């Protein structure tokens, strides 16, 4: 087994785990992921505004921030910057929404 085989296997496994994680998200979490995926680097305020426009029964800003933290934890998105300058973006190689 060569190093490139291991590297390829790890990339495939990581992508598969991300797909499974994405499939387990609830409707609201999926909407937040979709917005970040569609928009590229985007700040939390803009995410919430788009989310609230998209959903019939939007959750609070605090809950959306919790969803963003979870998506970062699940390694689907990344967060750059701090507090008011934070931007979220989809991690390279993350799966497209369904």
Protein backbone atom coordinates (compact mmCIF):
# COMPACT_ATOMS: atom_id res chain seq x y z
CA UNK A 1 0.00 0.00 0.00
CA UNK A 2 1.41 3.33 -1.02
CA UNK A 3 0.99 6.65 0.75
CA UNK A 4 -1.18 8.01 -2.07
CA UNK A 5 -3.57 5.06 -1.63
CA UNK A 6 -3.96 5.87 2.05
CA UNK A 7 -4.42 9.58 1.27
CA UNK A 8 -7.10 8.81 -1.34
CA UNK A 9 -8.88 6.44 1.05
CA UNK A 10 -8.89 9.06 3.81
CA UNK A 11 -10.32 11.72 1.47
CA UNK A 12 -13.06 9.33 0.32
CA UNK A 13 -13.91 8.32 3.90
CA UNK A 14 -14.01 11.95 5.04
CA UNK A 15 -16.33 12.90 2.18
CA UNK A 16 -18.61 9.94 2.98
CA UNK A 17 -18.80 10.96 6.65
CA UNK A 18 -19.65 14.53 5.63
CA UNK A 19 -22.42 13.25 3.29
CA UNK A 20 -23.89 11.17 6.11
CA UNK A 21 -23.71 14.11 8.50
CA UNK A 22 -25.38 16.36 5.93
CA UNK A 23 -28.18 13.81 5.49
CA UNK A 24 -28.84 13.82 9.27
CA UNK A 25 -29.25 17.59 9.58
CA UNK A 26 -32.73 18.86 10.36
CA UNK A 27 -34.58 21.15 7.95
CA UNK A 28 -33.34 24.33 9.63
CA UNK A 29 -29.72 23.22 9.86
CA UNK A 30 -29.85 22.20 6.20
CA UNK A 31 -31.18 25.63 5.25
CA UNK A 32 -28.27 27.30 7.04
CA UNK A 33 -25.79 24.98 5.28
CA UNK A 34 -27.42 25.68 1.92
CA UNK A 35 -27.10 29.44 2.45
CA UNK A 36 -23.42 29.19 3.32
CA UNK A 37 -22.85 26.85 0.36
CA UNK A 38 -24.62 29.18 -2.09
CA UNK A 39 -23.08 32.41 -0.79
CA UNK A 40 -19.43 31.71 -0.20
CA UNK A 41 -17.87 33.69 2.64
CA UNK A 42 -20.80 35.25 4.50
CA UNK A 43 -21.28 36.88 7.90
CA UNK A 44 -23.75 35.60 10.53
CA UNK A 45 -26.14 38.54 10.18
CA UNK A 46 -26.53 37.97 6.47
CA UNK A 47 -26.95 34.23 7.04
CA UNK A 48 -29.75 34.88 9.51
CA UNK A 49 -31.52 37.36 7.21
CA UNK A 50 -31.48 34.90 4.30
CA UNK A 51 -32.50 32.05 6.57
CA UNK A 52 -35.44 34.03 8.02
CA UNK A 53 -36.62 34.89 4.49
CA UNK A 54 -36.38 31.26 3.41
CA UNK A 55 -38.13 29.55 6.32
CA UNK A 56 -41.81 29.71 7.28
CA UNK A 57 -41.02 29.24 10.96
CA UNK A 58 -37.46 30.54 11.47
CA UNK A 59 -35.61 29.87 14.69
CA UNK A 60 -33.96 32.64 16.73
CA UNK A 61 -30.60 34.24 15.94
CA UNK A 62 -29.14 32.41 18.92
CA UNK A 63 -30.30 29.05 17.55
CA UNK A 64 -28.88 29.85 14.11
CA UNK A 65 -25.53 30.70 15.75
CA UNK A 66 -25.72 27.30 17.48
CA UNK A 67 -26.34 25.64 14.10
CA UNK A 68 -23.31 27.44 12.67
CA UNK A 69 -21.12 26.24 15.54
CA UNK A 70 -22.32 22.68 14.97
CA UNK A 71 -21.65 22.87 11.23
CA UNK A 72 -18.10 24.01 12.03
CA UNK A 73 -17.77 21.17 14.54
CA UNK A 74 -18.98 18.70 11.90
CA UNK A 75 -16.29 20.11 9.58
CA UNK A 76 -18.82 21.06 6.91
CA UNK A 77 -18.06 24.78 7.12
CA UNK A 78 -15.25 26.94 8.46
CA UNK A 79 -15.34 30.14 10.50
CA UNK A 80 -12.75 32.85 9.95
CA UNK A 81 -12.38 36.01 11.98
CA UNK A 82 -13.75 36.87 15.36
CA UNK A 83 -17.02 38.21 16.72
CA UNK A 84 -18.41 40.87 14.40
CA UNK A 85 -15.90 40.16 11.62
CA UNK A 86 -16.56 36.41 11.46
CA UNK A 87 -17.33 34.86 8.10
CA UNK A 88 -18.47 31.35 7.34
CA UNK A 89 -17.63 29.37 4.22
CA UNK A 90 -18.01 25.79 3.07
CA UNK A 91 -14.86 23.77 3.67
CA UNK A 92 -12.97 22.69 0.56
CA UNK A 93 -14.24 19.33 -0.59
CA UNK A 94 -17.49 19.51 1.40
CA UNK A 95 -20.48 17.97 -0.35
CA UNK A 96 -23.08 19.99 -2.21
CA UNK A 97 -26.54 20.17 -0.64
CA UNK A 98 -29.13 17.73 -1.97
